[in-house]
Amino acid sequence: MNIALRILHLHRALHYVPIEKPAHFDETALAKLASQFGECLLVFQKSAFFTMTGDGPRVSGNPEPDAAYRIAAQETPSPAGMGGQNSAGGAPFGFLLAAGDYVFFQWHAWHETEKSARPSYAAMLEEVVREIWWQRLECEGPWFLRLVFEDDKVAVQALRALKKAP
């Protein structure tokens, strides 16, 4: 599979509030979260979902996020009110995806009304991880899957912060 990674220059932080993680995590759960909340952010710790092999990184099974959040409403406190949290951590009352540069890839999740099969989110995530490894991009911090419900479809965006130059 040939994927084209992009660089996302996030100019302003995005605020999220915690939600309960689904008991079972698959394409149906992705679609349900996105349609229920409009936009969600799933956080995966650095290497919790893949293993390094002689042939590069491989996703281990069906990755489950360490935390799940929905986009915060407009009345969310200002960044100062968020306790100064950054993309490396959250607060009990929210999570801040910090402004900065992220390696980025977007695809549309499979939907049960489609006749043709699409690769699973785990397969797509593995392709992103492998392409980042292949290109030797230096990243840091957790992995993110951002789910956005648009045009009756779920856009899935894989993100990871690019390592800042010293």
N, C-alpha and C. Protein backbone atom coordinates (compact mmCIF):
# COMPACT_ATOMS: atom_id res chain seq x y z
N MET A 1 0.85 -1.17 0.00
CA MET A 1 0.00 0.00 0.00
C MET A 1 0.90 1.24 0.00
N ASN A 2 0.56 2.19 -0.81
CA ASN A 2 1.35 3.41 -0.92
C ASN A 2 0.59 4.55 -0.25
N ILE A 3 1.16 5.10 0.81
CA ILE A 3 0.51 6.22 1.49
C ILE A 3 1.43 7.43 1.46
N ALA A 4 0.83 8.60 1.43
CA ALA A 4 1.60 9.85 1.39
C ALA A 4 1.41 10.58 2.72
N LEU A 5 2.45 10.59 3.52
CA LEU A 5 2.40 11.31 4.78
C LEU A 5 2.46 12.81 4.51
N ARG A 6 1.82 13.56 5.36
CA ARG A 6 1.84 15.02 5.29
C ARG A 6 2.31 15.56 6.63
N ILE A 7 2.63 16.84 6.64
CA ILE A 7 2.95 17.53 7.89
C ILE A 7 1.80 18.48 8.18
N LEU A 8 1.22 18.32 9.35
CA LEU A 8 0.15 19.19 9.81
C LEU A 8 0.77 20.25 10.70
N HIS A 9 0.59 21.51 10.34
CA HIS A 9 1.05 22.63 11.16
C HIS A 9 -0.17 23.12 11.95
N LEU A 10 -0.34 22.58 13.14
CA LEU A 10 -1.49 22.94 13.97
C LEU A 10 -1.19 24.29 14.62
N HIS A 11 -1.92 25.32 14.20
CA HIS A 11 -1.63 26.69 14.64
C HIS A 11 -2.23 27.05 15.99
N ARG A 12 -3.27 26.33 16.38
CA ARG A 12 -3.84 26.58 17.70
C ARG A 12 -4.18 25.25 18.34
N ALA A 13 -4.11 25.23 19.64
CA ALA A 13 -4.38 24.00 20.38
C ALA A 13 -5.85 23.60 20.23
N LEU A 14 -6.10 22.32 20.30
CA LEU A 14 -7.47 21.79 20.27
C LEU A 14 -7.78 21.24 21.66
N HIS A 15 -8.93 21.63 22.20
CA HIS A 15 -9.33 21.23 23.55
C HIS A 15 -10.30 20.06 23.49
N TYR A 16 -10.08 19.09 24.37
CA TYR A 16 -10.92 17.90 24.43
C TYR A 16 -11.30 17.62 25.88
N VAL A 17 -12.41 16.91 26.06
CA VAL A 17 -12.84 16.46 27.39
C VAL A 17 -12.98 14.94 27.36
N PRO A 18 -12.73 14.28 28.51
CA PRO A 18 -12.74 12.82 28.55
C PRO A 18 -14.10 12.21 28.24
N ILE A 19 -14.06 11.06 27.61
CA ILE A 19 -15.25 10.23 27.40
C ILE A 19 -14.86 8.80 27.76
N GLU A 20 -15.85 7.96 27.93
CA GLU A 20 -15.58 6.56 28.23
C GLU A 20 -15.11 5.84 26.98
N LYS A 21 -14.07 5.03 27.14
CA LYS A 21 -13.58 4.23 26.02
C LYS A 21 -14.57 3.11 25.75
N PRO A 22 -14.78 2.76 24.48
CA PRO A 22 -15.66 1.63 24.17
C PRO A 22 -15.08 0.33 24.73
N ALA A 23 -15.96 -0.59 25.12
CA ALA A 23 -15.50 -1.88 25.64
C ALA A 23 -14.80 -2.69 24.56
N HIS A 24 -15.31 -2.60 23.34
CA HIS A 24 -14.72 -3.31 22.20
C HIS A 24 -14.35 -2.26 21.17
N PHE A 25 -13.15 -2.35 20.63
CA PHE A 25 -12.67 -1.29 19.74
C PHE A 25 -12.43 -1.82 18.34
N ASP A 26 -13.26 -1.35 17.39
CA ASP A 26 -13.13 -1.74 15.99
C ASP A 26 -13.70 -0.63 15.12
N GLU A 27 -13.89 -0.89 13.82
CA GLU A 27 -14.39 0.14 12.91
C GLU A 27 -15.78 0.64 13.32
N THR A 28 -16.62 -0.27 13.81
CA THR A 28 -17.96 0.13 14.25
C THR A 28 -17.86 1.09 15.43
N ALA A 29 -16.95 0.82 16.36
CA ALA A 29 -16.76 1.72 17.50
C ALA A 29 -16.26 3.09 17.05
N LEU A 30 -15.35 3.11 16.06
CA LEU A 30 -14.87 4.39 15.52
C LEU A 30 -16.03 5.20 14.97
N ALA A 31 -16.85 4.56 14.15
CA ALA A 31 -17.99 5.25 13.53
C ALA A 31 -18.97 5.75 14.58
N LYS A 32 -19.22 4.93 15.59
CA LYS A 32 -20.17 5.31 16.64
C LYS A 32 -19.67 6.52 17.42
N LEU A 33 -18.39 6.51 17.81
CA LEU A 33 -17.82 7.65 18.54
C LEU A 33 -17.90 8.93 17.72
N ALA A 34 -17.48 8.85 16.46
CA ALA A 34 -17.46 10.04 15.61
C ALA A 34 -18.86 10.57 15.37
N SER A 35 -19.82 9.68 15.12
CA SER A 35 -21.18 10.16 14.85
C SER A 35 -21.83 10.70 16.12
N GLN A 36 -21.49 10.15 17.27
CA GLN A 36 -22.07 10.62 18.53
C GLN A 36 -21.52 11.98 18.94
N PHE A 37 -20.21 12.20 18.78
CA PHE A 37 -19.58 13.41 19.29
C PHE A 37 -19.13 14.39 18.21
N GLY A 38 -19.12 13.98 16.95
CA GLY A 38 -18.67 14.87 15.87
C GLY A 38 -17.17 14.84 15.67
N GLU A 39 -16.43 14.91 16.77
CA GLU A 39 -14.97 14.82 16.71
C GLU A 39 -14.46 14.21 18.00
N CYS A 40 -13.57 13.24 17.87
CA CYS A 40 -12.97 12.57 19.02
C CYS A 40 -11.47 12.46 18.83
N LEU A 41 -10.78 12.26 19.93
CA LEU A 41 -9.34 12.05 19.90
C LEU A 41 -9.04 10.81 20.74
N LEU A 42 -8.36 9.85 20.14
CA LEU A 42 -7.94 8.64 20.84
C LEU A 42 -6.43 8.73 21.04
N VAL A 43 -5.98 8.45 22.24
CA VAL A 43 -4.56 8.59 22.58
C VAL A 43 -3.97 7.20 22.85
N PHE A 44 -2.86 6.93 22.17
CA PHE A 44 -2.13 5.66 22.32
C PHE A 44 -0.73 5.99 22.82
N GLN A 45 -0.29 5.33 23.87
CA GLN A 45 1.07 5.56 24.34
C GLN A 45 2.05 5.11 23.27
N LYS A 46 3.21 5.74 23.27
CA LYS A 46 4.22 5.62 22.21
C LYS A 46 4.25 4.28 21.48
N SER A 47 4.64 3.25 22.15
CA SER A 47 4.84 1.99 21.44
C SER A 47 3.97 0.87 22.00
N ALA A 48 2.88 1.24 22.62
CA ALA A 48 2.02 0.24 23.25
C ALA A 48 1.31 -0.65 22.23
N PHE A 49 1.20 -0.21 20.99
CA PHE A 49 0.42 -0.98 20.03
C PHE A 49 1.23 -1.59 18.90
N PHE A 50 2.55 -1.42 18.90
CA PHE A 50 3.34 -2.07 17.86
C PHE A 50 4.62 -2.66 18.43
N THR A 51 5.16 -3.62 17.70
CA THR A 51 6.43 -4.23 18.07
C THR A 51 7.40 -4.06 16.91
N MET A 52 8.66 -3.95 17.23
CA MET A 52 9.69 -3.83 16.20
C MET A 52 10.14 -5.23 15.80
N THR A 53 10.12 -5.49 14.51
CA THR A 53 10.58 -6.77 13.98
C THR A 53 11.80 -6.51 13.09
N GLY A 54 12.39 -7.56 12.56
CA GLY A 54 13.50 -7.41 11.64
C GLY A 54 13.10 -6.70 10.36
N ASP A 55 11.79 -6.69 10.10
CA ASP A 55 11.24 -6.06 8.90
C ASP A 55 10.56 -4.72 9.22
N GLY A 56 10.86 -4.15 10.38
CA GLY A 56 10.26 -2.88 10.76
C GLY A 56 9.12 -3.07 11.74
N PRO A 57 8.42 -1.98 12.10
CA PRO A 57 7.35 -2.07 13.10
C PRO A 57 6.12 -2.77 12.55
N ARG A 58 5.47 -3.53 13.42
CA ARG A 58 4.22 -4.22 13.11
C ARG A 58 3.23 -3.96 14.24
N VAL A 59 1.98 -3.71 13.86
CA VAL A 59 0.94 -3.49 14.86
C VAL A 59 0.64 -4.81 15.56
N SER A 60 0.51 -4.75 16.87
CA SER A 60 0.21 -5.92 17.69
C SER A 60 -1.29 -6.05 17.87
N GLY A 61 -1.91 -6.92 17.12
CA GLY A 61 -3.34 -7.17 17.27
C GLY A 61 -4.19 -5.98 16.90
N ASN A 62 -5.24 -5.78 17.68
CA ASN A 62 -6.19 -4.70 17.45
C ASN A 62 -5.93 -3.62 18.50
N PRO A 63 -5.20 -2.55 18.16
CA PRO A 63 -4.81 -1.55 19.16
C PRO A 63 -6.01 -0.90 19.85
N GLU A 64 -5.88 -0.75 21.15
CA GLU A 64 -6.91 -0.06 21.92
C GLU A 64 -6.28 1.18 22.54
N PRO A 65 -7.00 2.30 22.50
CA PRO A 65 -6.43 3.55 23.04
C PRO A 65 -6.30 3.51 24.55
N ASP A 66 -5.36 4.30 25.05
CA ASP A 66 -5.19 4.45 26.49
C ASP A 66 -6.21 5.44 27.05
N ALA A 67 -6.67 6.36 26.21
CA ALA A 67 -7.65 7.36 26.63
C ALA A 67 -8.47 7.80 25.42
N ALA A 68 -9.68 8.27 25.69
CA ALA A 68 -10.56 8.77 24.63
C ALA A 68 -11.15 10.10 25.07
N TYR A 69 -11.27 11.01 24.12
CA TYR A 69 -11.78 12.36 24.39
C TYR A 69 -12.70 12.79 23.25
N ARG A 70 -13.59 13.72 23.57
CA ARG A 70 -14.40 14.37 22.54
C ARG A 70 -14.00 15.83 22.49
N ILE A 71 -14.28 16.47 21.37
CA ILE A 71 -13.95 17.88 21.23
C ILE A 71 -14.73 18.66 22.29
N ALA A 72 -14.10 19.64 22.89
CA ALA A 72 -14.75 20.45 23.92
C ALA A 72 -15.68 21.47 23.28
N ALA A 73 -16.71 21.83 24.00
CA ALA A 73 -17.65 22.85 23.54
C ALA A 73 -16.97 24.21 23.55
N GLN A 74 -17.58 25.18 22.91
CA GLN A 74 -17.01 26.52 22.81
C GLN A 74 -16.76 27.17 24.17
N GLU A 75 -17.51 26.76 25.19
CA GLU A 75 -17.34 27.40 26.49
C GLU A 75 -16.16 26.84 27.28
N THR A 76 -15.31 26.05 26.64
CA THR A 76 -14.12 25.49 27.30
C THR A 76 -13.22 26.62 27.79
N PRO A 77 -12.59 26.44 28.95
CA PRO A 77 -11.68 27.47 29.46
C PRO A 77 -10.54 27.74 28.49
N SER A 78 -9.95 28.90 28.63
CA SER A 78 -8.80 29.26 27.80
C SER A 78 -7.63 28.34 28.13
N PRO A 79 -6.57 28.33 27.30
CA PRO A 79 -5.42 27.48 27.59
C PRO A 79 -4.89 27.66 29.01
N ALA A 80 -4.91 28.88 29.53
CA ALA A 80 -4.44 29.10 30.90
C ALA A 80 -5.31 28.33 31.88
N GLY A 81 -6.61 28.21 31.57
CA GLY A 81 -7.53 27.48 32.42
C GLY A 81 -7.39 25.98 32.32
N MET A 82 -6.61 25.52 31.36
CA MET A 82 -6.42 24.08 31.18
C MET A 82 -5.21 23.60 31.98
N GLY A 83 -4.64 24.45 32.78
CA GLY A 83 -3.51 24.03 33.60
C GLY A 83 -2.22 23.90 32.82
N GLY A 84 -2.16 24.48 31.64
CA GLY A 84 -0.93 24.45 30.87
C GLY A 84 -0.55 23.07 30.36
N GLN A 85 -1.50 22.17 30.25
CA GLN A 85 -1.18 20.83 29.78
C GLN A 85 -0.77 20.87 28.32
N ASN A 86 0.03 19.90 27.91
CA ASN A 86 0.44 19.83 26.51
C ASN A 86 0.09 18.46 25.95
N SER A 87 0.54 18.20 24.73
CA SER A 87 0.18 16.95 24.07
C SER A 87 0.76 15.72 24.77
N ALA A 88 1.65 15.91 25.71
CA ALA A 88 2.23 14.77 26.41
C ALA A 88 1.36 14.31 27.58
N GLY A 89 0.33 15.08 27.93
CA GLY A 89 -0.49 14.67 29.05
C GLY A 89 -1.79 15.41 29.12
N GLY A 90 -2.66 14.92 29.95
CA GLY A 90 -3.97 15.54 30.08
C GLY A 90 -4.22 15.97 31.51
N ALA A 91 -5.39 16.44 31.74
CA ALA A 91 -5.81 16.83 33.07
C ALA A 91 -7.14 16.14 33.31
N PRO A 92 -7.57 16.00 34.58
CA PRO A 92 -8.83 15.30 34.84
C PRO A 92 -10.00 15.94 34.11
N PHE A 93 -9.92 17.21 33.81
CA PHE A 93 -11.03 17.92 33.19
C PHE A 93 -10.81 18.17 31.71
N GLY A 94 -9.75 17.65 31.14
CA GLY A 94 -9.55 17.88 29.72
C GLY A 94 -8.19 17.47 29.21
N PHE A 95 -8.05 17.63 27.92
CA PHE A 95 -6.80 17.31 27.23
C PHE A 95 -6.58 18.38 26.19
N LEU A 96 -5.35 18.78 26.05
CA LEU A 96 -5.00 19.81 25.08
C LEU A 96 -4.06 19.21 24.05
N LEU A 97 -4.48 19.16 22.80
CA LEU A 97 -3.59 18.77 21.71
C LEU A 97 -2.87 20.05 21.33
N ALA A 98 -1.61 20.12 21.69
CA ALA A 98 -0.84 21.36 21.57
C ALA A 98 -0.62 21.78 20.13
N ALA A 99 -0.53 23.08 19.93
CA ALA A 99 -0.15 23.60 18.62
C ALA A 99 1.26 23.10 18.33
N GLY A 100 1.54 22.85 17.07
CA GLY A 100 2.86 22.37 16.69
C GLY A 100 2.80 21.61 15.38
N ASP A 101 3.88 20.94 15.06
CA ASP A 101 3.98 20.18 13.81
C ASP A 101 3.80 18.70 14.09
N TYR A 102 2.94 18.07 13.30
CA TYR A 102 2.62 16.66 13.45
C TYR A 102 2.76 15.97 12.10
N VAL A 103 3.28 14.74 12.12
CA VAL A 103 3.20 13.91 10.92
C VAL A 103 1.74 13.45 10.88
N PHE A 104 1.18 13.36 9.68
CA PHE A 104 -0.26 13.26 9.54
C PHE A 104 -0.63 12.39 8.34
N PHE A 105 -1.65 11.56 8.51
CA PHE A 105 -2.23 10.82 7.39
C PHE A 105 -3.71 10.66 7.67
N GLN A 106 -4.54 10.85 6.64
CA GLN A 106 -5.99 10.75 6.80
C GLN A 106 -6.55 9.73 5.82
N TRP A 107 -7.54 8.98 6.31
CA TRP A 107 -8.29 8.06 5.45
C TRP A 107 -9.73 8.02 5.96
N HIS A 108 -10.62 7.46 5.17
CA HIS A 108 -12.01 7.30 5.60
C HIS A 108 -12.21 5.89 6.11
N ALA A 109 -12.82 5.79 7.28
CA ALA A 109 -13.06 4.49 7.89
C ALA A 109 -14.12 3.73 7.11
N TRP A 110 -14.06 2.45 7.22
CA TRP A 110 -15.06 1.58 6.60
C TRP A 110 -16.41 1.87 7.23
N HIS A 111 -17.46 1.77 6.43
CA HIS A 111 -18.82 1.94 6.93
C HIS A 111 -19.63 0.76 6.46
N GLU A 112 -20.53 0.27 7.33
CA GLU A 112 -21.27 -0.95 7.01
C GLU A 112 -22.13 -0.85 5.76
N THR A 113 -22.44 0.35 5.28
CA THR A 113 -23.25 0.48 4.06
C THR A 113 -22.42 0.34 2.80
N GLU A 114 -21.10 0.32 2.93
CA GLU A 114 -20.24 0.18 1.75
C GLU A 114 -20.22 -1.26 1.27
N LYS A 115 -20.20 -1.41 -0.02
CA LYS A 115 -20.16 -2.75 -0.60
C LYS A 115 -18.74 -3.30 -0.65
N SER A 116 -17.77 -2.45 -0.88
CA SER A 116 -16.39 -2.92 -0.95
C SER A 116 -15.71 -2.78 0.41
N ALA A 117 -14.85 -3.70 0.69
CA ALA A 117 -14.14 -3.68 1.97
C ALA A 117 -12.99 -2.68 1.91
N ARG A 118 -12.72 -2.06 3.02
CA ARG A 118 -11.56 -1.18 3.18
C ARG A 118 -10.66 -1.82 4.21
N PRO A 119 -9.39 -1.46 4.19
CA PRO A 119 -8.50 -1.99 5.23
C PRO A 119 -8.99 -1.54 6.61
N SER A 120 -8.75 -2.36 7.61
CA SER A 120 -9.14 -2.02 8.97
C SER A 120 -8.30 -0.84 9.47
N TYR A 121 -8.76 -0.21 10.54
CA TYR A 121 -7.99 0.91 11.09
C TYR A 121 -6.64 0.40 11.58
N ALA A 122 -6.58 -0.83 12.08
CA ALA A 122 -5.30 -1.38 12.54
C ALA A 122 -4.32 -1.53 11.38
N ALA A 123 -4.81 -1.99 10.23
CA ALA A 123 -3.95 -2.14 9.04
C ALA A 123 -3.47 -0.78 8.55
N MET A 124 -4.37 0.21 8.56
CA MET A 124 -3.98 1.55 8.12
C MET A 124 -2.98 2.17 9.09
N LEU A 125 -3.22 1.98 10.38
CA LEU A 125 -2.31 2.51 11.39
C LEU A 125 -0.92 1.88 11.23
N GLU A 126 -0.89 0.59 10.94
CA GLU A 126 0.40 -0.07 10.72
C GLU A 126 1.11 0.53 9.51
N GLU A 127 0.37 0.83 8.45
CA GLU A 127 0.99 1.44 7.27
C GLU A 127 1.60 2.80 7.60
N VAL A 128 0.89 3.58 8.42
CA VAL A 128 1.40 4.90 8.82
C VAL A 128 2.67 4.74 9.66
N VAL A 129 2.63 3.85 10.65
CA VAL A 129 3.79 3.61 11.51
C VAL A 129 4.98 3.16 10.67
N ARG A 130 4.75 2.25 9.74
CA ARG A 130 5.84 1.73 8.90
C ARG A 130 6.40 2.81 7.98
N GLU A 131 5.52 3.66 7.43
CA GLU A 131 6.00 4.72 6.53
C GLU A 131 6.83 5.75 7.29
N ILE A 132 6.41 6.08 8.50
CA ILE A 132 7.20 7.01 9.32
C ILE A 132 8.57 6.40 9.61
N TRP A 133 8.59 5.12 9.93
CA TRP A 133 9.85 4.41 10.18
C TRP A 133 10.70 4.38 8.91
N TRP A 134 10.08 4.07 7.78
CA TRP A 134 10.80 3.98 6.51
C TRP A 134 11.43 5.32 6.14
N GLN A 135 10.69 6.41 6.36
CA GLN A 135 11.20 7.74 6.02
C GLN A 135 12.14 8.29 7.10
N ARG A 136 12.29 7.57 8.17
CA ARG A 136 13.16 7.96 9.29
C ARG A 136 12.77 9.32 9.87
N LEU A 137 11.48 9.55 9.97
CA LEU A 137 11.00 10.79 10.59
C LEU A 137 11.14 10.66 12.10
N GLU A 138 11.64 11.70 12.72
CA GLU A 138 11.81 11.68 14.17
C GLU A 138 10.58 12.28 14.84
N CYS A 139 9.89 11.43 15.57
CA CYS A 139 8.66 11.84 16.25
C CYS A 139 8.83 11.61 17.75
N GLU A 140 7.89 12.17 18.51
CA GLU A 140 7.94 12.00 19.96
C GLU A 140 6.53 12.03 20.53
N GLY A 141 6.40 11.49 21.73
CA GLY A 141 5.12 11.52 22.42
C GLY A 141 4.16 10.45 21.95
N PRO A 142 2.93 10.54 22.44
CA PRO A 142 1.93 9.52 22.10
C PRO A 142 1.47 9.63 20.65
N TRP A 143 0.81 8.58 20.20
CA TRP A 143 0.14 8.56 18.91
C TRP A 143 -1.29 9.00 19.13
N PHE A 144 -1.86 9.65 18.14
CA PHE A 144 -3.25 10.10 18.22
C PHE A 144 -4.02 9.60 17.00
N LEU A 145 -5.26 9.21 17.22
CA LEU A 145 -6.22 9.01 16.13
C LEU A 145 -7.31 10.04 16.37
N ARG A 146 -7.47 10.92 15.43
CA ARG A 146 -8.51 11.95 15.50
C ARG A 146 -9.63 11.49 14.58
N LEU A 147 -10.83 11.39 15.10
CA LEU A 147 -12.00 10.95 14.35
C LEU A 147 -12.89 12.15 14.10
N VAL A 148 -13.20 12.39 12.84
CA VAL A 148 -14.04 13.54 12.49
C VAL A 148 -15.18 13.03 11.62
N PHE A 149 -16.41 13.30 12.04
CA PHE A 149 -17.58 12.90 11.27
C PHE A 149 -17.89 14.00 10.26
N GLU A 150 -17.72 13.69 8.97
CA GLU A 150 -17.95 14.68 7.92
C GLU A 150 -18.57 14.00 6.71
N ASP A 151 -19.56 14.63 6.12
CA ASP A 151 -20.22 14.09 4.93
C ASP A 151 -20.71 12.67 5.14
N ASP A 152 -21.27 12.39 6.30
CA ASP A 152 -21.79 11.06 6.66
C ASP A 152 -20.73 9.97 6.62
N LYS A 153 -19.47 10.35 6.74
CA LYS A 153 -18.37 9.39 6.81
C LYS A 153 -17.46 9.78 7.96
N VAL A 154 -16.66 8.82 8.37
CA VAL A 154 -15.70 9.07 9.45
C VAL A 154 -14.31 9.22 8.85
N ALA A 155 -13.77 10.42 8.99
CA ALA A 155 -12.38 10.66 8.60
C ALA A 155 -11.51 10.28 9.79
N VAL A 156 -10.53 9.43 9.55
CA VAL A 156 -9.61 9.01 10.60
C VAL A 156 -8.26 9.64 10.29
N GLN A 157 -7.73 10.36 11.26
CA GLN A 157 -6.45 11.04 11.08
C GLN A 157 -5.46 10.49 12.09
N ALA A 158 -4.38 9.91 11.60
CA ALA A 158 -3.30 9.44 12.47
C ALA A 158 -2.31 10.59 12.61
N LEU A 159 -1.94 10.91 13.85
CA LEU A 159 -1.04 12.03 14.13
C LEU A 159 0.02 11.62 15.15
N ARG A 160 1.20 12.18 14.98
CA ARG A 160 2.23 12.09 16.02
C ARG A 160 3.11 13.32 15.90
N ALA A 161 3.47 13.90 17.04
CA ALA A 161 4.27 15.12 17.04
C ALA A 161 5.66 14.86 16.46
N LEU A 162 6.09 15.77 15.60
CA LEU A 162 7.46 15.71 15.09
C LEU A 162 8.40 16.19 16.18
N LYS A 163 9.54 15.55 16.28
CA LYS A 163 10.52 15.93 17.29
C LYS A 163 11.05 17.32 16.96
N LYS A 164 11.11 18.16 17.99
CA LYS A 164 11.60 19.53 17.80
C LYS A 164 13.12 19.51 17.72
N ALA A 165 13.65 20.35 16.84
CA ALA A 165 15.11 20.47 16.72
C ALA A 165 15.67 21.08 18.00
N PRO A 166 16.86 20.63 18.43
CA PRO A 166 17.44 21.16 19.68
C PRO A 166 17.83 22.61 19.56
